[in-house]
Amino acid sequence: MQRIYDPESLMEAEMLLGMLDSEGIVAHLVGRDLVGGIGDLPAIGLLGLTVANDQAGYARQLIAEYNAALPMPGEEPDSFPGTLVC
């Protein structure tokens, strides 16, 4: 298993888990149970996505494409230009 990405939030982690699953990649979220103790634990590096060694390259590629995605013209809210509407 390789740790391939450190999501910024539990919501991002869950979304990425679903995206990877839809591509046939079995991913695991490390640190999910620690989020409740955030007041006593460091906030950075708490969450991590792990995948099997043979799927790590493809999973990293998918996450890089996700991070590089831009909104379609006219689909971002006026108050938050450059933000994807989900």
PDB file of N, CA and C in Angstrom:
ATOM      1  N   MET A   1       0.847  -1.181   0.000  1.00  0.00           N
ATOM      2  CA  MET A   1       0.000   0.000   0.000  1.00  0.00           C
ATOM      3  C   MET A   1       0.890   1.240   0.000  1.00  0.00           C
ATOM      4  N   GLN A   2       0.436   2.250  -0.739  1.00  0.00           N
ATOM      5  CA  GLN A   2       1.148   3.520  -0.791  1.00  0.00           C
ATOM      6  C   GLN A   2       0.201   4.654  -0.445  1.00  0.00           C
ATOM      7  N   ARG A   3       0.692   5.577   0.354  1.00  0.00           N
ATOM      8  CA  ARG A   3      -0.073   6.791   0.641  1.00  0.00           C
ATOM      9  C   ARG A   3       0.146   7.724  -0.547  1.00  0.00           C
ATOM     10  N   ILE A   4      -0.935   8.049  -1.258  1.00  0.00           N
ATOM     11  CA  ILE A   4      -0.797   8.791  -2.512  1.00  0.00           C
ATOM     12  C   ILE A   4      -1.264  10.233  -2.425  1.00  0.00           C
ATOM     13  N   TYR A   5      -2.051  10.581  -1.397  1.00  0.00           N
ATOM     14  CA  TYR A   5      -2.601  11.941  -1.357  1.00  0.00           C
ATOM     15  C   TYR A   5      -3.061  12.260   0.061  1.00  0.00           C
ATOM     16  N   ASP A   6      -2.876  13.516   0.447  1.00  0.00           N
ATOM     17  CA  ASP A   6      -3.355  14.004   1.736  1.00  0.00           C
ATOM     18  C   ASP A   6      -4.490  15.004   1.486  1.00  0.00           C
ATOM     19  N   PRO A   7      -5.739  14.561   1.597  1.00  0.00           N
ATOM     20  CA  PRO A   7      -6.861  15.471   1.355  1.00  0.00           C
ATOM     21  C   PRO A   7      -6.931  16.575   2.402  1.00  0.00           C
ATOM     22  N   GLU A   8      -7.478  17.722   1.991  1.00  0.00           N
ATOM     23  CA  GLU A   8      -7.595  18.860   2.894  1.00  0.00           C
ATOM     24  C   GLU A   8      -8.720  18.690   3.904  1.00  0.00           C
ATOM     25  N   SER A   9      -9.721  17.897   3.557  1.00  0.00           N
ATOM     26  CA  SER A   9     -10.864  17.732   4.443  1.00  0.00           C
ATOM     27  C   SER A   9     -11.467  16.345   4.257  1.00  0.00           C
ATOM     28  N   LEU A  10     -12.322  15.981   5.183  1.00  0.00           N
ATOM     29  CA  LEU A  10     -13.018  14.703   5.094  1.00  0.00           C
ATOM     30  C   LEU A  10     -13.929  14.685   3.875  1.00  0.00           C
ATOM     31  N   MET A  11     -14.535  15.818   3.545  1.00  0.00           N
ATOM     32  CA  MET A  11     -15.418  15.888   2.383  1.00  0.00           C
ATOM     33  C   MET A  11     -14.633  15.635   1.083  1.00  0.00           C
ATOM     34  N   GLU A  12     -13.469  16.249   0.954  1.00  0.00           N
ATOM     35  CA  GLU A  12     -12.649  16.005  -0.234  1.00  0.00           C
ATOM     36  C   GLU A  12     -12.223  14.540  -0.288  1.00  0.00           C
ATOM     37  N   ALA A  13     -11.866  13.979   0.853  1.00  0.00           N
ATOM     38  CA  ALA A  13     -11.434  12.587   0.908  1.00  0.00           C
ATOM     39  C   ALA A  13     -12.542  11.652   0.438  1.00  0.00           C
ATOM     40  N   GLU A  14     -13.754  11.877   0.912  1.00  0.00           N
ATOM     41  CA  GLU A  14     -14.875  11.014   0.532  1.00  0.00           C
ATOM     42  C   GLU A  14     -15.170  11.139  -0.961  1.00  0.00           C
ATOM     43  N   MET A  15     -15.080  12.353  -1.494  1.00  0.00           N
ATOM     44  CA  MET A  15     -15.322  12.554  -2.920  1.00  0.00           C
ATOM     45  C   MET A  15     -14.258  11.825  -3.754  1.00  0.00           C
ATOM     46  N   LEU A  16     -12.999  11.928  -3.336  1.00  0.00           N
ATOM     47  CA  LEU A  16     -11.937  11.250  -4.059  1.00  0.00           C
ATOM     48  C   LEU A  16     -12.053   9.735  -3.956  1.00  0.00           C
ATOM     49  N   LEU A  17     -12.480   9.235  -2.809  1.00  0.00           N
ATOM     50  CA  LEU A  17     -12.702   7.797  -2.670  1.00  0.00           C
ATOM     51  C   LEU A  17     -13.733   7.321  -3.683  1.00  0.00           C
ATOM     52  N   GLY A  18     -14.818   8.084  -3.837  1.00  0.00           N
ATOM     53  CA  GLY A  18     -15.847   7.732  -4.808  1.00  0.00           C
ATOM     54  C   GLY A  18     -15.341   7.792  -6.236  1.00  0.00           C
ATOM     55  N   MET A  19     -14.546   8.826  -6.554  1.00  0.00           N
ATOM     56  CA  MET A  19     -13.994   8.950  -7.902  1.00  0.00           C
ATOM     57  C   MET A  19     -13.073   7.776  -8.211  1.00  0.00           C
ATOM     58  N   LEU A  20     -12.182   7.456  -7.273  1.00  0.00           N
ATOM     59  CA  LEU A  20     -11.257   6.340  -7.493  1.00  0.00           C
ATOM     60  C   LEU A  20     -12.006   5.019  -7.611  1.00  0.00           C
ATOM     61  N   ASP A  21     -13.022   4.832  -6.787  1.00  0.00           N
ATOM     62  CA  ASP A  21     -13.833   3.614  -6.849  1.00  0.00           C
ATOM     63  C   ASP A  21     -14.514   3.483  -8.211  1.00  0.00           C
ATOM     64  N   SER A  22     -15.001   4.598  -8.759  1.00  0.00           N
ATOM     65  CA  SER A  22     -15.669   4.553 -10.062  1.00  0.00           C
ATOM     66  C   SER A  22     -14.703   4.168 -11.180  1.00  0.00           C
ATOM     67  N   GLU A  23     -13.404   4.330 -10.940  1.00  0.00           N
ATOM     68  CA  GLU A  23     -12.376   3.949 -11.909  1.00  0.00           C
ATOM     69  C   GLU A  23     -11.785   2.575 -11.610  1.00  0.00           C
ATOM     70  N   GLY A  24     -12.365   1.868 -10.643  1.00  0.00           N
ATOM     71  CA  GLY A  24     -11.909   0.519 -10.314  1.00  0.00           C
ATOM     72  C   GLY A  24     -10.717   0.460  -9.389  1.00  0.00           C
ATOM     73  N   ILE A  25     -10.428   1.558  -8.711  1.00  0.00           N
ATOM     74  CA  ILE A  25      -9.290   1.605  -7.785  1.00  0.00           C
ATOM     75  C   ILE A  25      -9.817   1.495  -6.361  1.00  0.00           C
ATOM     76  N   VAL A  26      -9.322   0.513  -5.644  1.00  0.00           N
ATOM     77  CA  VAL A  26      -9.700   0.347  -4.247  1.00  0.00           C
ATOM     78  C   VAL A  26      -8.787   1.223  -3.400  1.00  0.00           C
ATOM     79  N   ALA A  27      -9.375   2.233  -2.773  1.00  0.00           N
ATOM     80  CA  ALA A  27      -8.596   3.167  -1.951  1.00  0.00           C
ATOM     81  C   ALA A  27      -9.103   3.104  -0.517  1.00  0.00           C
ATOM     82  N   HIS A  28      -8.225   3.425   0.409  1.00  0.00           N
ATOM     83  CA  HIS A  28      -8.566   3.446   1.831  1.00  0.00           C
ATOM     84  C   HIS A  28      -8.216   4.817   2.390  1.00  0.00           C
ATOM     85  N   LEU A  29      -9.048   5.274   3.307  1.00  0.00           N
ATOM     86  CA  LEU A  29      -8.822   6.564   3.949  1.00  0.00           C
ATOM     87  C   LEU A  29      -8.223   6.330   5.331  1.00  0.00           C
ATOM     88  N   VAL A  30      -7.016   6.813   5.521  1.00  0.00           N
ATOM     89  CA  VAL A  30      -6.317   6.713   6.797  1.00  0.00           C
ATOM     90  C   VAL A  30      -6.615   7.974   7.599  1.00  0.00           C
ATOM     91  N   GLY A  31      -6.955   7.827   8.862  1.00  0.00           N
ATOM     92  CA  GLY A  31      -7.159   8.965   9.736  1.00  0.00           C
ATOM     93  C   GLY A  31      -8.596   9.429   9.884  1.00  0.00           C
ATOM     94  N   ARG A  32      -9.532   8.747   9.232  1.00  0.00           N
ATOM     95  CA  ARG A  32     -10.942   9.143   9.313  1.00  0.00           C
ATOM     96  C   ARG A  32     -11.419   9.207  10.761  1.00  0.00           C
ATOM     97  N   ASP A  33     -11.030   8.243  11.550  1.00  0.00           N
ATOM     98  CA  ASP A  33     -11.488   8.190  12.940  1.00  0.00           C
ATOM     99  C   ASP A  33     -10.813   9.231  13.826  1.00  0.00           C
ATOM    100  N   LEU A  34      -9.759   9.866  13.357  1.00  0.00           N
ATOM    101  CA  LEU A  34      -9.051  10.857  14.148  1.00  0.00           C
ATOM    102  C   LEU A  34      -9.606  12.268  13.976  1.00  0.00           C
ATOM    103  N   VAL A  35     -10.454  12.472  12.974  1.00  0.00           N
ATOM    104  CA  VAL A  35     -10.955  13.810  12.676  1.00  0.00           C
ATOM    105  C   VAL A  35     -11.723  14.396  13.854  1.00  0.00           C
ATOM    106  N   GLY A  36     -12.416  13.585  14.629  1.00  0.00           N
ATOM    107  CA  GLY A  36     -13.167  14.068  15.786  1.00  0.00           C
ATOM    108  C   GLY A  36     -12.279  14.654  16.868  1.00  0.00           C
ATOM    109  N   GLY A  37     -11.018  14.274  16.908  1.00  0.00           N
ATOM    110  CA  GLY A  37     -10.099  14.776  17.920  1.00  0.00           C
ATOM    111  C   GLY A  37      -9.245  15.915  17.416  1.00  0.00           C
ATOM    112  N   ILE A  38      -9.724  16.624  16.399  1.00  0.00           N
ATOM    113  CA  ILE A  38      -8.914  17.653  15.740  1.00  0.00           C
ATOM    114  C   ILE A  38      -8.435  18.735  16.704  1.00  0.00           C
ATOM    115  N   GLY A  39      -9.154  18.993  17.785  1.00  0.00           N
ATOM    116  CA  GLY A  39      -8.721  20.018  18.730  1.00  0.00           C
ATOM    117  C   GLY A  39      -7.443  19.635  19.457  1.00  0.00           C
ATOM    118  N   ASP A  40      -7.204  18.345  19.611  1.00  0.00           N
ATOM    119  CA  ASP A  40      -6.028  17.868  20.317  1.00  0.00           C
ATOM    120  C   ASP A  40      -4.931  17.349  19.399  1.00  0.00           C
ATOM    121  N   LEU A  41      -5.234  17.245  18.100  1.00  0.00           N
ATOM    122  CA  LEU A  41      -4.287  16.686  17.145  1.00  0.00           C
ATOM    123  C   LEU A  41      -3.898  17.738  16.110  1.00  0.00           C
ATOM    124  N   PRO A  42      -2.750  17.574  15.467  1.00  0.00           N
ATOM    125  CA  PRO A  42      -2.389  18.527  14.405  1.00  0.00           C
ATOM    126  C   PRO A  42      -3.386  18.406  13.251  1.00  0.00           C
ATOM    127  N   ALA A  43      -3.771  19.535  12.664  1.00  0.00           N
ATOM    128  CA  ALA A  43      -4.792  19.534  11.622  1.00  0.00           C
ATOM    129  C   ALA A  43      -4.243  19.112  10.261  1.00  0.00           C
ATOM    130  N   ILE A  44      -2.950  19.214  10.052  1.00  0.00           N
ATOM    131  CA  ILE A  44      -2.359  18.899   8.753  1.00  0.00           C
ATOM    132  C   ILE A  44      -1.775  17.496   8.776  1.00  0.00           C
ATOM    133  N   GLY A  45      -2.012  16.748   7.717  1.00  0.00           N
ATOM    134  CA  GLY A  45      -1.462  15.406   7.604  1.00  0.00           C
ATOM    135  C   GLY A  45      -2.251  14.347   8.334  1.00  0.00           C
ATOM    136  N   LEU A  46      -3.430  14.687   8.804  1.00  0.00           N
ATOM    137  CA  LEU A  46      -4.247  13.742   9.554  1.00  0.00           C
ATOM    138  C   LEU A  46      -4.878  12.704   8.636  1.00  0.00           C
ATOM    139  N   LEU A  47      -5.339  13.141   7.465  1.00  0.00           N
ATOM    140  CA  LEU A  47      -6.006  12.261   6.514  1.00  0.00           C
ATOM    141  C   LEU A  47      -5.050  11.870   5.395  1.00  0.00           C
ATOM    142  N   GLY A  48      -5.206  10.653   4.901  1.00  0.00           N
ATOM    143  CA  GLY A  48      -4.405  10.196   3.778  1.00  0.00           C
ATOM    144  C   GLY A  48      -5.119   9.121   2.999  1.00  0.00           C
ATOM    145  N   LEU A  49      -4.989   9.161   1.683  1.00  0.00           N
ATOM    146  CA  LEU A  49      -5.541   8.120   0.827  1.00  0.00           C
ATOM    147  C   LEU A  49      -4.441   7.128   0.484  1.00  0.00           C
ATOM    148  N   THR A  50      -4.730   5.853   0.638  1.00  0.00           N
ATOM    149  CA  THR A  50      -3.773   4.802   0.304  1.00  0.00           C
ATOM    150  C   THR A  50      -4.393   3.870  -0.725  1.00  0.00           C
ATOM    151  N   VAL A  51      -3.553   3.350  -1.609  1.00  0.00           N
ATOM    152  CA  VAL A  51      -3.982   2.387  -2.623  1.00  0.00           C
ATOM    153  C   VAL A  51      -2.911   1.307  -2.751  1.00  0.00           C
ATOM    154  N   ALA A  52      -3.267   0.228  -3.428  1.00  0.00           N
ATOM    155  CA  ALA A  52      -2.308  -0.839  -3.686  1.00  0.00           C
ATOM    156  C   ALA A  52      -1.174  -0.310  -4.551  1.00  0.00           C
ATOM    157  N   ASN A  53       0.008  -0.863  -4.376  1.00  0.00           N
ATOM    158  CA  ASN A  53       1.195  -0.403  -5.104  1.00  0.00           C
ATOM    159  C   ASN A  53       0.989  -0.373  -6.614  1.00  0.00           C
ATOM    160  N   ASP A  54       0.323  -1.397  -7.166  1.00  0.00           N
ATOM    161  CA  ASP A  54       0.162  -1.467  -8.620  1.00  0.00           C
ATOM    162  C   ASP A  54      -0.868  -0.475  -9.160  1.00  0.00           C
ATOM    163  N   GLN A  55      -1.660   0.157  -8.294  1.00  0.00           N
ATOM    164  CA  GLN A  55      -2.646   1.138  -8.729  1.00  0.00           C
ATOM    165  C   GLN A  55      -2.239   2.574  -8.388  1.00  0.00           C
ATOM    166  N   ALA A  56      -1.107   2.750  -7.739  1.00  0.00           N
ATOM    167  CA  ALA A  56      -0.699   4.072  -7.247  1.00  0.00           C
ATOM    168  C   ALA A  56      -0.484   5.079  -8.368  1.00  0.00           C
ATOM    169  N   GLY A  57       0.164   4.683  -9.442  1.00  0.00           N
ATOM    170  CA  GLY A  57       0.435   5.609 -10.536  1.00  0.00           C
ATOM    171  C   GLY A  57      -0.836   6.132 -11.176  1.00  0.00           C
ATOM    172  N   TYR A  58      -1.764   5.234 -11.466  1.00  0.00           N
ATOM    173  CA  TYR A  58      -3.027   5.637 -12.086  1.00  0.00           C
ATOM    174  C   TYR A  58      -3.849   6.494 -11.131  1.00  0.00           C
ATOM    175  N   ALA A  59      -3.863   6.141  -9.859  1.00  0.00           N
ATOM    176  CA  ALA A  59      -4.607   6.922  -8.865  1.00  0.00           C
ATOM    177  C   ALA A  59      -4.027   8.329  -8.742  1.00  0.00           C
ATOM    178  N   ARG A  60      -2.722   8.456  -8.726  1.00  0.00           N
ATOM    179  CA  ARG A  60      -2.091   9.784  -8.670  1.00  0.00           C
ATOM    180  C   ARG A  60      -2.445  10.611  -9.907  1.00  0.00           C
ATOM    181  N   GLN A  61      -2.470   9.964 -11.069  1.00  0.00           N
ATOM    182  CA  GLN A  61      -2.817  10.653 -12.307  1.00  0.00           C
ATOM    183  C   GLN A  61      -4.253  11.184 -12.232  1.00  0.00           C
ATOM    184  N   LEU A  62      -5.190  10.368 -11.761  1.00  0.00           N
ATOM    185  CA  LEU A  62      -6.582  10.796 -11.645  1.00  0.00           C
ATOM    186  C   LEU A  62      -6.735  11.968 -10.675  1.00  0.00           C
ATOM    187  N   ILE A  63      -6.024  11.911  -9.562  1.00  0.00           N
ATOM    188  CA  ILE A  63      -6.119  12.992  -8.579  1.00  0.00           C
ATOM    189  C   ILE A  63      -5.486  14.268  -9.128  1.00  0.00           C
ATOM    190  N   ALA A  64      -4.399  14.141  -9.875  1.00  0.00           N
ATOM    191  CA  ALA A  64      -3.774  15.317 -10.493  1.00  0.00           C
ATOM    192  C   ALA A  64      -4.727  15.960 -11.495  1.00  0.00           C
ATOM    193  N   GLU A  65      -5.437  15.145 -12.266  1.00  0.00           N
ATOM    194  CA  GLU A  65      -6.419  15.678 -13.212  1.00  0.00           C
ATOM    195  C   GLU A  65      -7.569  16.350 -12.474  1.00  0.00           C
ATOM    196  N   TYR A  66      -7.995  15.783 -11.373  1.00  0.00           N
ATOM    197  CA  TYR A  66      -9.047  16.387 -10.552  1.00  0.00           C
ATOM    198  C   TYR A  66      -8.595  17.758 -10.036  1.00  0.00           C
ATOM    199  N   ASN A  67      -7.375  17.836  -9.538  1.00  0.00           N
ATOM    200  CA  ASN A  67      -6.857  19.097  -8.996  1.00  0.00           C
ATOM    201  C   ASN A  67      -6.647  20.151 -10.082  1.00  0.00           C
ATOM    202  N   ALA A  68      -6.423  19.732 -11.326  1.00  0.00           N
ATOM    203  CA  ALA A  68      -6.194  20.664 -12.420  1.00  0.00           C
ATOM    204  C   ALA A  68      -7.495  21.102 -13.104  1.00  0.00           C
ATOM    205  N   ALA A  69      -8.625  20.514 -12.732  1.00  0.00           N
ATOM    206  CA  ALA A  69      -9.906  20.813 -13.395  1.00  0.00           C
ATOM    207  C   ALA A  69     -10.294  22.278 -13.201  1.00  0.00           C
ATOM    208  N   LEU A  70     -10.827  22.848 -14.252  1.00  0.00           N
ATOM    209  CA  LEU A  70     -11.315  24.223 -14.226  1.00  0.00           C
ATOM    210  C   LEU A  70     -12.815  24.214 -14.515  1.00  0.00           C
ATOM    211  N   PRO A  71     -13.543  25.188 -14.001  1.00  0.00           N
ATOM    212  CA  PRO A  71     -14.984  25.225 -14.279  1.00  0.00           C
ATOM    213  C   PRO A  71     -15.245  25.558 -15.744  1.00  0.00           C
ATOM    214  N   MET A  72     -16.354  25.067 -16.241  1.00  0.00           N
ATOM    215  CA  MET A  72     -16.797  25.427 -17.588  1.00  0.00           C
ATOM    216  C   MET A  72     -17.255  26.880 -17.553  1.00  0.00           C
ATOM    217  N   PRO A  73     -17.040  27.623 -18.617  1.00  0.00           N
ATOM    218  CA  PRO A  73     -17.502  29.018 -18.632  1.00  0.00           C
ATOM    219  C   PRO A  73     -18.996  29.104 -18.326  1.00  0.00           C
ATOM    220  N   GLY A  74     -19.339  29.991 -17.421  1.00  0.00           N
ATOM    221  CA  GLY A  74     -20.739  30.180 -17.060  1.00  0.00           C
ATOM    222  C   GLY A  74     -21.252  29.257 -15.984  1.00  0.00           C
ATOM    223  N   GLU A  75     -20.426  28.305 -15.523  1.00  0.00           N
ATOM    224  CA  GLU A  75     -20.878  27.368 -14.508  1.00  0.00           C
ATOM    225  C   GLU A  75     -20.364  27.692 -13.110  1.00  0.00           C
ATOM    226  N   GLU A  76     -19.573  28.757 -12.973  1.00  0.00           N
ATOM    227  CA  GLU A  76     -19.108  29.124 -11.643  1.00  0.00           C
ATOM    228  C   GLU A  76     -20.007  30.225 -11.095  1.00  0.00           C
ATOM    229  N   PRO A  77     -20.218  30.245  -9.797  1.00  0.00           N
ATOM    230  CA  PRO A  77     -21.066  31.278  -9.211  1.00  0.00           C
ATOM    231  C   PRO A  77     -20.416  32.656  -9.328  1.00  0.00           C
ATOM    232  N   ASP A  78     -21.238  33.700  -9.479  1.00  0.00           N
ATOM    233  CA  ASP A  78     -20.722  35.062  -9.635  1.00  0.00           C
ATOM    234  C   ASP A  78     -19.890  35.501  -8.433  1.00  0.00           C
ATOM    235  N   SER A  79     -20.285  35.058  -7.249  1.00  0.00           N
ATOM    236  CA  SER A  79     -19.593  35.495  -6.041  1.00  0.00           C
ATOM    237  C   SER A  79     -18.270  34.744  -5.818  1.00  0.00           C
ATOM    238  N   PHE A  80     -18.067  33.634  -6.514  1.00  0.00           N
ATOM    239  CA  PHE A  80     -16.845  32.850  -6.370  1.00  0.00           C
ATOM    240  C   PHE A  80     -16.297  32.466  -7.747  1.00  0.00           C
ATOM    241  N   PRO A  81     -15.795  33.425  -8.536  1.00  0.00           N
ATOM    242  CA  PRO A  81     -15.288  33.078  -9.865  1.00  0.00           C
ATOM    243  C   PRO A  81     -14.134  32.089  -9.769  1.00  0.00           C
ATOM    244  N   GLY A  82     -14.103  31.162 -10.716  1.00  0.00           N
ATOM    245  CA  GLY A  82     -13.071  30.141 -10.730  1.00  0.00           C
ATOM    246  C   GLY A  82     -13.367  28.952  -9.848  1.00  0.00           C
ATOM    247  N   THR A  83     -14.566  28.893  -9.263  1.00  0.00           N
ATOM    248  CA  THR A  83     -14.945  27.801  -8.370  1.00  0.00           C
ATOM    249  C   THR A  83     -15.907  26.862  -9.088  1.00  0.00           C
ATOM    250  N   LEU A  84     -15.663  25.580  -9.004  1.00  0.00           N
ATOM    251  CA  LEU A  84     -16.560  24.602  -9.616  1.00  0.00           C
ATOM    252  C   LEU A  84     -17.881  24.551  -8.867  1.00  0.00           C
ATOM    253  N   VAL A  85     -18.973  24.436  -9.607  1.00  0.00           N
ATOM    254  CA  VAL A  85     -20.291  24.262  -8.998  1.00  0.00           C
ATOM    255  C   VAL A  85     -20.572  22.773  -8.944  1.00  0.00           C
ATOM    256  N   CYS A  86     -20.824  22.249  -7.762  1.00  0.00           N
ATOM    257  CA  CYS A  86     -21.071  20.819  -7.608  1.00  0.00           C
ATOM    258  C   CYS A  86     -22.531  20.560  -7.341  1.00  0.00           C
TER     259      CYS A  86
END
